[in-house]
N, C-alpha and C. Protein backbone atom coordinates (compact mmCIF):
# COMPACT_ATOMS: atom_id res chain seq x y z
N UNK A 1 113.08 52.89 103.65
CA UNK A 1 112.29 53.78 102.76
C UNK A 1 112.58 55.22 102.51
N UNK A 2 112.80 56.43 101.88
CA UNK A 2 113.44 57.49 101.94
C UNK A 2 111.79 58.20 102.46
N UNK A 3 111.61 58.85 103.59
CA UNK A 3 110.39 59.77 103.59
C UNK A 3 110.51 60.98 103.06
N UNK A 4 109.64 61.52 101.95
CA UNK A 4 109.63 62.82 101.39
C UNK A 4 108.69 63.66 101.57
N UNK A 5 108.71 64.78 101.93
CA UNK A 5 107.86 65.59 102.26
C UNK A 5 107.64 66.59 100.71
N UNK A 6 106.32 66.83 100.12
CA UNK A 6 106.11 67.42 99.22
C UNK A 6 105.16 68.59 99.42
N UNK A 7 105.89 69.65 99.55
CA UNK A 7 105.10 71.02 99.56
C UNK A 7 104.60 71.68 98.41
N UNK A 8 103.52 71.75 98.18
CA UNK A 8 103.05 72.54 96.90
C UNK A 8 102.37 70.78 96.24
N UNK A 9 102.10 69.84 96.79
CA UNK A 9 101.64 68.24 96.51
C UNK A 9 100.59 68.60 95.85
N UNK A 10 99.56 69.84 95.80
CA UNK A 10 98.41 69.67 95.03
C UNK A 10 98.09 70.51 93.76
N UNK A 11 99.41 70.80 93.50
CA UNK A 11 99.61 71.68 92.17
C UNK A 11 99.94 70.87 91.21
N UNK A 12 100.11 71.12 89.77
CA UNK A 12 100.44 70.41 88.49
C UNK A 12 101.63 69.64 88.80
N UNK A 13 102.83 70.12 89.20
CA UNK A 13 104.31 69.43 89.51
C UNK A 13 104.21 68.60 90.63
N UNK A 14 103.47 69.35 91.66
CA UNK A 14 103.67 68.80 92.96
C UNK A 14 102.63 67.14 92.78
N UNK A 15 101.80 67.27 92.33
CA UNK A 15 100.81 65.97 92.12
C UNK A 15 101.68 65.15 91.07
N UNK A 16 102.54 65.64 90.66
CA UNK A 16 103.35 64.59 89.68
C UNK A 16 104.51 63.82 90.48
N UNK A 17 105.02 64.60 90.90
CA UNK A 17 106.24 64.31 91.78
C UNK A 17 105.76 63.15 93.27
N UNK A 18 104.91 63.70 93.61
CA UNK A 18 104.26 62.90 94.80
C UNK A 18 103.62 61.44 94.16
N UNK A 19 103.09 61.65 93.12
CA UNK A 19 102.67 60.10 92.35
C UNK A 19 103.64 59.30 92.27
N UNK A 20 104.95 59.92 91.41
CA UNK A 20 105.88 59.44 91.08
C UNK A 20 106.78 58.56 92.32
N UNK A 21 106.75 59.61 93.32
CA UNK A 21 107.26 59.10 94.64
C UNK A 21 107.04 57.90 95.30
N UNK A 22 105.73 58.06 95.12
CA UNK A 22 104.81 56.74 95.93
C UNK A 22 105.47 55.59 95.75
N UNK A 23 106.01 55.24 94.39
CA UNK A 23 106.69 54.29 93.94
C UNK A 23 107.80 53.58 94.98
N UNK A 24 108.66 54.45 95.51
CA UNK A 24 109.85 53.90 96.00
C UNK A 24 109.93 54.42 97.47
N UNK A 25 108.89 55.60 97.93
CA UNK A 25 109.11 56.14 99.05
C UNK A 25 107.77 56.38 99.84
N UNK A 26 107.86 57.18 101.01
CA UNK A 26 107.01 57.28 101.78
C UNK A 26 106.68 58.76 101.61
N UNK A 27 105.42 59.10 101.04
CA UNK A 27 105.26 60.62 100.75
C UNK A 27 104.42 60.91 101.71
N UNK A 28 104.59 62.60 102.18
CA UNK A 28 103.73 63.25 102.75
C UNK A 28 103.36 64.68 102.06
N UNK A 29 102.23 64.87 102.25
CA UNK A 29 101.90 66.44 101.45
C UNK A 29 101.38 67.57 101.98
N UNK A 30 101.60 68.64 101.51
CA UNK A 30 101.06 69.60 101.82
C UNK A 30 100.66 70.66 101.12
N UNK A 31 99.92 71.93 101.41
CA UNK A 31 99.72 72.72 100.83
C UNK A 31 99.76 74.16 101.41
N UNK A 32 99.78 75.26 100.64
CA UNK A 32 100.20 76.45 101.27
C UNK A 32 99.58 77.10 102.42
N UNK A 33 98.48 76.44 103.27
CA UNK A 33 97.91 76.73 104.40
C UNK A 33 98.38 75.56 105.62
N UNK A 34 98.95 74.55 105.22
CA UNK A 34 99.19 73.51 106.09
C UNK A 34 100.15 73.90 106.85
N UNK A 35 100.14 73.02 108.20
CA UNK A 35 101.18 73.37 109.23
C UNK A 35 102.46 72.68 108.67
N UNK A 36 103.46 73.03 108.60
CA UNK A 36 104.65 72.43 107.93
C UNK A 36 105.38 71.48 109.14
N UNK A 37 105.40 72.18 110.28
CA UNK A 37 106.48 71.40 111.43
C UNK A 37 106.30 69.92 111.78
N UNK A 38 104.99 69.38 111.81
CA UNK A 38 104.92 68.18 112.39
C UNK A 38 105.44 67.15 111.11
N UNK A 39 105.16 67.61 109.85
CA UNK A 39 105.41 66.80 108.62
C UNK A 39 106.90 66.59 107.99
N UNK A 40 107.52 67.89 108.29
CA UNK A 40 109.02 68.09 108.19
C UNK A 40 109.75 67.46 109.18
N UNK A 41 109.17 67.66 110.43
CA UNK A 41 110.06 66.75 111.53
C UNK A 41 110.11 65.30 111.35
N UNK A 42 109.14 64.72 110.47
CA UNK A 42 109.22 63.18 110.28
C UNK A 42 109.40 62.59 109.03
N UNK A 43 109.97 63.75 108.18
CA UNK A 43 110.82 63.42 107.16
C UNK A 43 111.83 63.45 106.95
N UNK A 44 112.52 62.63 105.69
CA UNK A 44 113.85 62.69 105.58
C UNK A 44 114.85 63.65 104.55
N UNK A 45 113.51 64.38 103.76
CA UNK A 45 114.04 65.51 102.89
C UNK A 45 112.63 66.25 102.16
N UNK A 46 112.82 67.44 102.06
CA UNK A 46 111.81 68.23 101.54
C UNK A 46 111.82 68.46 100.40
N UNK A 47 110.81 68.22 99.79
CA UNK A 47 110.69 69.04 98.06
C UNK A 47 109.64 70.26 98.06
N UNK A 48 110.25 71.29 97.70
CA UNK A 48 109.12 72.59 97.30
C UNK A 48 108.76 72.94 95.91
N UNK A 49 107.57 72.98 95.64
CA UNK A 49 107.07 73.30 94.48
C UNK A 49 105.77 73.98 94.35
N UNK A 50 105.68 75.21 95.58
CA UNK A 50 104.63 76.05 95.75
C UNK A 50 104.97 77.31 94.93
N UNK A 51 104.49 78.27 95.62
CA UNK A 51 104.99 79.73 95.40
C UNK A 51 106.29 80.48 95.87
N UNK A 52 106.73 81.41 95.79
CA UNK A 52 108.16 81.96 96.25
C UNK A 52 107.81 82.17 97.77
N UNK A 53 106.58 82.57 98.27
CA UNK A 53 106.12 82.76 99.62
C UNK A 53 106.50 81.32 100.79
N UNK A 54 105.88 80.52 100.12
CA UNK A 54 105.68 78.93 100.50
C UNK A 54 107.18 78.31 100.41
N UNK A 55 107.98 78.83 99.64
CA UNK A 55 109.46 78.18 99.87
C UNK A 55 110.32 78.66 100.82
N UNK A 56 109.69 80.32 101.32
CA UNK A 56 110.54 80.38 102.56
C UNK A 56 109.83 79.66 103.56
N UNK A 57 108.62 79.53 103.78
CA UNK A 57 108.06 78.99 104.95
C UNK A 57 108.48 77.47 105.13
N UNK A 58 108.79 76.54 104.19
CA UNK A 58 109.36 75.30 104.11
C UNK A 58 110.94 75.60 104.49
N UNK A 59 111.46 76.33 104.17
CA UNK A 59 113.05 76.49 104.12
C UNK A 59 113.20 76.72 105.66
N UNK A 60 112.60 77.69 106.09
CA UNK A 60 112.88 78.08 107.80
C UNK A 60 112.44 76.59 108.63
N UNK A 61 111.67 75.98 108.27
CA UNK A 61 111.26 74.71 108.91
C UNK A 61 112.22 73.92 108.70
N UNK A 62 112.98 73.51 107.41
CA UNK A 62 114.01 72.41 107.19
C UNK A 62 115.28 72.83 107.89
N UNK A 63 115.36 73.85 107.63
CA UNK A 63 116.58 74.40 108.37
C UNK A 63 116.70 74.34 110.16
N UNK A 64 115.46 74.57 110.74
CA UNK A 64 115.30 74.32 112.10
C UNK A 64 115.22 72.66 112.34
N UNK A 65 114.73 72.08 111.68
CA UNK A 65 115.02 70.35 112.04
C UNK A 65 116.13 69.78 111.12
N UNK A 66 117.15 70.66 110.44
CA UNK A 66 118.19 70.09 109.81
C UNK A 66 117.68 69.22 108.81
N UNK A 67 116.78 69.36 107.76
CA UNK A 67 116.22 68.69 106.87
C UNK A 67 116.48 68.99 105.61
N UNK A 68 117.29 68.36 104.71
CA UNK A 68 117.72 68.79 103.25
C UNK A 68 116.28 68.95 102.33
N UNK A 69 116.51 70.09 101.67
CA UNK A 69 115.50 70.76 100.87
C UNK A 69 115.51 70.85 99.58
N UNK A 70 114.78 70.43 98.10
CA UNK A 70 115.16 70.50 97.07
C UNK A 70 114.13 71.55 96.73
N UNK A 71 114.12 72.53 95.87
CA UNK A 71 113.26 73.87 95.29
C UNK A 71 113.12 73.82 93.78
N UNK A 72 112.11 73.69 93.52
CA UNK A 72 111.28 73.43 92.40
C UNK A 72 110.64 74.81 91.79
N UNK A 73 110.72 75.76 93.14
CA UNK A 73 109.81 77.12 92.70
C UNK A 73 110.71 78.06 92.18
N UNK A 74 110.17 78.77 91.51
CA UNK A 74 110.90 79.81 90.86
C UNK A 74 110.42 81.34 90.87
N UNK A 75 111.01 82.56 90.96
CA UNK A 75 110.24 83.79 90.48
C UNK A 75 110.63 84.33 92.08
N UNK A 76 111.66 83.81 92.91
CA UNK A 76 111.87 84.43 94.08
C UNK A 76 112.41 85.94 94.12
N UNK A 77 112.23 86.47 95.13
CA UNK A 77 112.72 88.03 95.14
C UNK A 77 114.43 87.95 95.06
N UNK A 78 115.28 89.20 95.07
CA UNK A 78 116.40 88.91 95.40
C UNK A 78 116.66 89.04 97.22
N UNK A 79 115.66 89.50 97.77
CA UNK A 79 115.84 89.28 99.19
C UNK A 79 115.67 87.71 99.73
N UNK A 80 114.49 87.05 98.91
CA UNK A 80 114.50 85.59 98.95
C UNK A 80 115.57 84.70 98.87
N UNK A 81 116.16 85.01 97.83
CA UNK A 81 117.24 84.32 97.56
C UNK A 81 118.32 84.43 98.67
N UNK A 82 118.91 85.71 99.11
CA UNK A 82 119.60 85.77 99.96
C UNK A 82 119.21 85.09 101.33
N UNK A 83 118.18 85.09 101.84
CA UNK A 83 117.42 84.26 102.86
C UNK A 83 117.77 83.12 102.70
N UNK A 84 117.52 82.39 101.58
CA UNK A 84 118.06 80.82 101.16
C UNK A 84 119.30 80.47 101.26
N UNK A 85 119.99 81.63 100.77
CA UNK A 85 121.33 81.63 100.98
C UNK A 85 122.02 81.28 102.39
N UNK A 86 121.39 82.13 103.22
CA UNK A 86 121.63 82.25 104.59
C UNK A 86 121.29 80.82 105.26
N UNK A 87 119.90 80.24 104.91
CA UNK A 87 119.90 78.92 105.47
C UNK A 87 120.47 78.02 105.48
N UNK A 88 121.03 78.23 103.88
CA UNK A 88 121.89 76.99 103.52
C UNK A 88 123.24 76.76 103.79
N UNK A 89 123.33 77.61 105.16
CA UNK A 89 124.31 77.54 105.78
C UNK A 89 124.08 76.83 107.20
N UNK A 90 122.87 76.29 107.26
CA UNK A 90 122.30 75.53 108.21
C UNK A 90 122.05 74.21 107.74
N UNK A 91 121.82 73.86 106.76
CA UNK A 91 120.88 72.62 106.01
C UNK A 91 121.38 72.85 104.59
N UNK A 92 121.31 71.42 103.94
CA UNK A 92 121.67 71.47 102.36
C UNK A 92 120.22 71.82 101.92
N UNK A 93 120.66 73.04 100.56
CA UNK A 93 119.36 73.13 100.17
C UNK A 93 119.75 73.32 98.59
N UNK A 94 118.92 72.71 97.75
CA UNK A 94 119.51 72.46 96.09
C UNK A 94 118.01 73.27 95.53
N UNK A 95 118.48 74.50 94.80
CA UNK A 95 117.29 75.11 94.40
C UNK A 95 117.67 74.79 92.57
N UNK A 96 116.67 74.16 91.94
CA UNK A 96 116.65 73.79 90.65
C UNK A 96 115.31 74.51 89.79
N UNK A 97 115.40 75.35 88.93
CA UNK A 97 114.79 75.88 87.98
C UNK A 97 113.90 74.87 87.36
N UNK A 98 114.45 73.76 87.64
CA UNK A 98 114.29 72.65 86.32
C UNK A 98 114.42 71.24 86.53
N UNK A 99 113.82 70.32 86.49
CA UNK A 99 113.73 68.87 87.04
C UNK A 99 114.02 68.18 85.91
N UNK A 100 113.64 68.51 84.74
CA UNK A 100 113.82 67.74 83.54
C UNK A 100 115.10 67.21 83.05
N UNK A 101 115.56 66.09 82.99
CA UNK A 101 117.10 65.84 82.40
C UNK A 101 117.00 66.40 81.15
N UNK A 102 116.12 66.62 80.13
CA UNK A 102 116.52 67.10 78.95
C UNK A 102 116.85 68.68 78.88
N UNK A 103 116.20 69.73 79.98
CA UNK A 103 116.21 70.48 80.21
C UNK A 103 117.63 71.01 80.64
N UNK A 104 118.35 69.89 81.59
CA UNK A 104 119.55 70.10 82.41
C UNK A 104 120.59 69.94 81.36
N UNK A 105 120.21 69.03 80.34
CA UNK A 105 121.13 69.05 79.20
C UNK A 105 121.44 70.02 78.52
N UNK A 106 120.00 70.74 78.30
CA UNK A 106 120.03 72.30 77.61
C UNK A 106 120.80 72.96 78.33
N UNK A 107 120.94 73.11 79.70
CA UNK A 107 121.70 73.94 80.21
C UNK A 107 123.05 73.87 80.11
N UNK A 108 123.62 72.80 79.87
CA UNK A 108 125.27 72.26 79.55
C UNK A 108 125.26 72.75 78.36
N UNK A 109 124.20 72.37 77.27
CA UNK A 109 124.49 72.91 75.87
C UNK A 109 124.64 74.48 75.73
N UNK A 110 124.09 74.96 76.48
CA UNK A 110 123.90 76.48 76.32
C UNK A 110 125.14 76.83 76.40
N UNK A 111 125.74 76.23 77.49
CA UNK A 111 126.91 76.86 77.87
C UNK A 111 128.39 76.71 76.91
N UNK A 112 127.95 75.50 76.34
CA UNK A 112 129.13 75.01 75.27
C UNK A 112 128.80 75.74 74.18
N UNK A 113 127.65 75.89 73.86
CA UNK A 113 127.47 76.73 72.34
C UNK A 113 127.56 77.98 72.66
N UNK A 114 127.44 78.63 73.67
CA UNK A 114 127.71 80.03 74.20
C UNK A 114 129.53 80.51 73.68
N UNK A 115 130.09 79.58 74.49
CA UNK A 115 131.64 79.67 74.76
C UNK A 115 132.12 79.70 73.33
N UNK A 116 131.88 78.54 72.55
CA UNK A 116 131.97 77.92 71.22
C UNK A 116 131.89 79.13 69.82
N UNK A 117 130.64 79.70 70.14
CA UNK A 117 130.32 80.84 68.99
C UNK A 117 130.53 82.17 69.47
N UNK A 118 131.14 82.53 70.60
CA UNK A 118 131.57 83.69 71.17
C UNK A 118 130.69 85.13 71.64
N UNK A 119 130.98 86.03 71.56
CA UNK A 119 130.46 87.07 71.47
C UNK A 119 129.22 87.58 70.47
N UNK A 120 130.00 87.47 68.97
CA UNK A 120 129.39 88.01 67.69
C UNK A 120 128.42 87.03 67.87
N UNK A 121 127.73 86.34 68.57
CA UNK A 121 126.12 85.49 67.98
C UNK A 121 125.26 86.43 68.95
N UNK A 122 124.29 86.91 68.41
CA UNK A 122 122.99 87.15 69.15
C UNK A 122 122.37 86.12 69.72
N UNK A 123 121.85 86.11 71.34
CA UNK A 123 121.15 85.50 72.08
C UNK A 123 119.99 86.01 72.28
N UNK A 124 118.73 85.05 71.96
CA UNK A 124 117.11 85.27 72.29
C UNK A 124 116.67 84.13 72.78
N UNK A 125 116.01 84.08 73.83
CA UNK A 125 115.35 82.92 74.44
C UNK A 125 114.11 83.27 74.58
N UNK A 126 113.19 82.32 73.85
CA UNK A 126 111.85 82.30 73.62
C UNK A 126 111.06 81.27 74.54
N UNK A 127 110.45 81.08 75.53
CA UNK A 127 109.87 80.40 76.20
C UNK A 127 108.22 80.49 76.23
N UNK A 128 107.80 79.08 76.21
CA UNK A 128 106.32 79.10 76.36
C UNK A 128 105.70 78.19 77.64
N UNK A 129 104.69 78.42 78.05
CA UNK A 129 104.15 77.80 79.21
C UNK A 129 102.80 77.77 79.09
N UNK A 130 102.21 77.22 79.76
CA UNK A 130 100.72 77.03 80.27
C UNK A 130 100.22 78.26 80.65
N UNK A 131 99.00 78.68 80.46
CA UNK A 131 98.27 80.01 80.99
C UNK A 131 98.39 79.87 82.31
N UNK A 132 98.46 79.09 83.04
CA UNK A 132 98.70 79.39 84.53
C UNK A 132 99.81 79.69 85.49
N UNK A 133 100.85 79.66 84.27
CA UNK A 133 102.29 79.78 84.90
C UNK A 133 102.53 81.08 85.62
N UNK A 134 102.82 81.14 86.83
CA UNK A 134 102.48 82.63 87.46
C UNK A 134 103.91 83.68 87.07
N UNK A 135 105.09 82.84 87.08
CA UNK A 135 106.30 84.14 86.86
C UNK A 135 106.39 83.90 85.30
N UNK A 136 106.89 85.01 85.24
CA UNK A 136 107.50 85.31 83.67
C UNK A 136 108.65 86.18 83.84
N UNK A 137 109.69 86.07 83.06
CA UNK A 137 109.89 84.51 82.45
C UNK A 137 110.23 83.58 83.30
N UNK A 138 110.20 82.23 82.95
CA UNK A 138 110.46 81.09 83.79
C UNK A 138 111.30 81.12 84.39
N UNK A 139 112.00 80.28 85.55
CA UNK A 139 113.17 80.33 86.17
C UNK A 139 113.64 79.81 84.99
N UNK A 140 113.38 78.53 84.08
CA UNK A 140 114.32 78.00 83.51
C UNK A 140 114.68 78.97 82.56
N UNK A 141 114.06 79.97 81.91
CA UNK A 141 114.43 80.85 80.74
C UNK A 141 115.38 81.72 81.11
N UNK A 142 115.06 82.04 82.76
CA UNK A 142 116.03 83.09 83.13
C UNK A 142 117.56 82.05 83.78
N UNK A 143 117.52 80.78 83.93
CA UNK A 143 118.80 80.38 84.15
C UNK A 143 119.39 80.10 82.54
N UNK A 144 118.56 79.60 81.65
CA UNK A 144 119.17 79.74 80.31
C UNK A 144 120.23 81.11 80.22
N UNK A 145 119.32 82.25 80.14
CA UNK A 145 120.39 83.73 80.21
C UNK A 145 121.40 83.73 81.21
N UNK A 146 121.35 83.32 82.59
CA UNK A 146 122.27 83.13 83.46
C UNK A 146 123.59 82.42 82.86
N UNK A 147 123.31 81.36 82.27
CA UNK A 147 124.40 80.48 82.03
C UNK A 147 124.68 81.01 80.81
N UNK A 148 124.11 81.57 79.92
CA UNK A 148 124.79 81.87 78.66
C UNK A 148 125.49 83.57 79.09
N UNK A 149 125.35 84.46 79.69
CA UNK A 149 125.75 85.42 80.57
C UNK A 149 127.16 85.24 80.83
N UNK A 150 127.12 84.20 81.52
CA UNK A 150 128.51 83.62 82.71
C UNK A 150 129.15 83.22 81.35
N UNK A 151 128.90 82.86 80.26
CA UNK A 151 129.89 82.08 79.43
C UNK A 151 130.38 83.00 78.96
N UNK A 152 130.09 84.46 78.87
CA UNK A 152 130.19 85.73 78.02
C UNK A 152 131.04 86.66 78.78
N UNK A 153 131.03 86.05 80.00
CA UNK A 153 131.74 86.95 81.11
C UNK A 153 130.61 88.27 81.21
N UNK A 154 129.59 88.05 81.24
CA UNK A 154 128.39 89.12 81.19
C UNK A 154 127.96 89.16 83.09
N UNK A 155 127.26 90.29 83.29
CA UNK A 155 126.23 90.57 84.25
C UNK A 155 125.07 90.48 83.69
N UNK A 156 124.15 89.38 84.18
CA UNK A 156 122.69 89.39 83.54
C UNK A 156 121.98 90.60 83.56
N UNK A 157 122.10 91.08 84.77
CA UNK A 157 121.15 92.28 85.20
C UNK A 157 121.58 93.57 84.18
N UNK A 158 122.85 93.63 83.77
CA UNK A 158 123.60 94.29 82.28
C UNK A 158 123.03 94.17 80.96
N UNK A 159 122.76 93.13 80.75
CA UNK A 159 122.46 92.64 79.69
C UNK A 159 121.03 91.76 79.00
N UNK A 160 120.37 91.48 80.21
CA UNK A 160 118.93 90.73 79.89
C UNK A 160 118.07 92.00 79.20
N UNK A 161 117.31 92.04 78.06
CA UNK A 161 116.27 92.68 77.74
C UNK A 161 115.17 91.71 77.58
N UNK A 162 114.03 92.06 78.24
CA UNK A 162 112.88 91.56 78.69
C UNK A 162 111.86 91.84 77.59
N UNK A 163 111.51 91.48 76.58
CA UNK A 163 110.63 91.84 75.33
C UNK A 163 110.82 93.04 75.04
N UNK A 164 110.19 93.38 73.74
CA UNK A 164 110.33 94.51 73.12
C UNK A 164 109.13 95.20 72.48
N UNK A 165 109.14 96.57 72.27
CA UNK A 165 107.53 97.23 72.12
C UNK A 165 108.18 98.46 71.67
N UNK A 166 107.42 98.97 70.27
CA UNK A 166 107.46 100.27 70.01
C UNK A 166 108.90 100.52 69.14
N UNK A 167 109.13 101.75 69.05
CA UNK A 167 110.28 101.94 68.33
C UNK A 167 111.90 102.06 69.47
N UNK A 168 112.23 100.61 69.41
CA UNK A 168 113.04 100.52 70.49
C UNK A 168 114.65 100.80 69.89
N UNK A 169 114.84 101.07 68.49
CA UNK A 169 116.14 101.03 68.01
C UNK A 169 116.62 99.88 67.91
N UNK A 170 117.70 99.68 67.18
CA UNK A 170 118.65 98.17 66.76
C UNK A 170 119.04 97.48 67.81
N UNK A 171 119.02 96.45 67.94
CA UNK A 171 119.34 95.68 68.99
C UNK A 171 120.72 95.37 69.21
N UNK A 172 120.96 95.37 70.42
CA UNK A 172 122.54 95.76 71.06
C UNK A 172 123.01 94.53 71.08
N UNK A 173 124.29 94.63 70.25
CA UNK A 173 125.17 93.25 70.13
C UNK A 173 125.30 92.51 71.47
N UNK A 174 125.27 93.11 72.60
CA UNK A 174 125.62 92.24 73.75
C UNK A 174 124.92 91.78 74.84
N UNK A 175 123.31 92.31 74.08
CA UNK A 175 121.94 91.73 75.28
C UNK A 175 121.72 90.43 75.07
N UNK A 176 120.87 89.99 75.82
CA UNK A 176 120.56 88.87 75.67
C UNK A 176 119.02 89.03 75.82
N UNK A 177 118.19 88.43 74.86
CA UNK A 177 116.42 88.81 75.10
C UNK A 177 115.97 87.78 75.30
N UNK A 178 115.14 87.59 76.56
CA UNK A 178 114.29 87.03 76.91
C UNK A 178 112.91 87.48 76.92
N UNK A 179 111.96 86.47 76.57
CA UNK A 179 110.74 86.82 76.08
C UNK A 179 109.55 85.21 76.45
N UNK A 180 108.56 85.63 77.04
CA UNK A 180 107.91 84.55 77.68
C UNK A 180 106.54 84.68 77.32
N UNK A 181 105.80 83.69 76.53
CA UNK A 181 104.57 83.32 76.07
C UNK A 181 103.63 82.47 76.81
N UNK A 182 102.58 82.62 76.74
CA UNK A 182 101.63 81.75 77.86
C UNK A 182 100.30 81.31 77.45
N UNK A 183 100.03 80.27 77.11
CA UNK A 183 98.95 80.02 76.39
C UNK A 183 98.51 78.38 76.41
N UNK A 184 97.29 78.21 76.81
CA UNK A 184 96.59 77.10 76.69
C UNK A 184 97.03 76.00 77.94
N UNK A 185 97.49 74.83 77.92
CA UNK A 185 97.91 73.85 78.73
C UNK A 185 99.77 73.31 78.31
N UNK A 186 100.66 74.22 77.71
CA UNK A 186 101.53 73.85 77.36
C UNK A 186 102.21 73.72 78.60
N UNK A 187 103.26 72.48 78.22
CA UNK A 187 103.98 72.02 79.72
C UNK A 187 105.29 72.42 79.60
């Protein structure tokens, strides 16, 4: 039986992962203020669905104990991403902005459609999430934009346009618009 530790197990996604994992695995749980060391020491793999600062905490412990880590948390700073890359030299780390099979299919479809449609087509990403979602745009929306930019041989930081307000002029042909909406309990 695989021993899985879910960091962020008391949040929306963490509860679902822990509940589903109990069907086939041994599950331990933690929240943001729990001591991770004994739980990581005794697990086979960690899953992080906390907040960006929680990700670094579990990644450090997983690296120290050589326990693979799956990260579903989004909204990391560039310095946090660099630290995760450094830790991935010590232990396997998978960062996935979305665990949904359908969304991962959408990632592939986005790449294929962007390649086939070429640079003459406008790309706008509109994402909706529940009112409790803390980062905007979501990691999923940003990943879609990154995939589209890469398929066009563009640098995301040069072509992303986050929202529009006021008299901003005509849309540039090479930009990729990303817009975040929040409300209710949209999953």
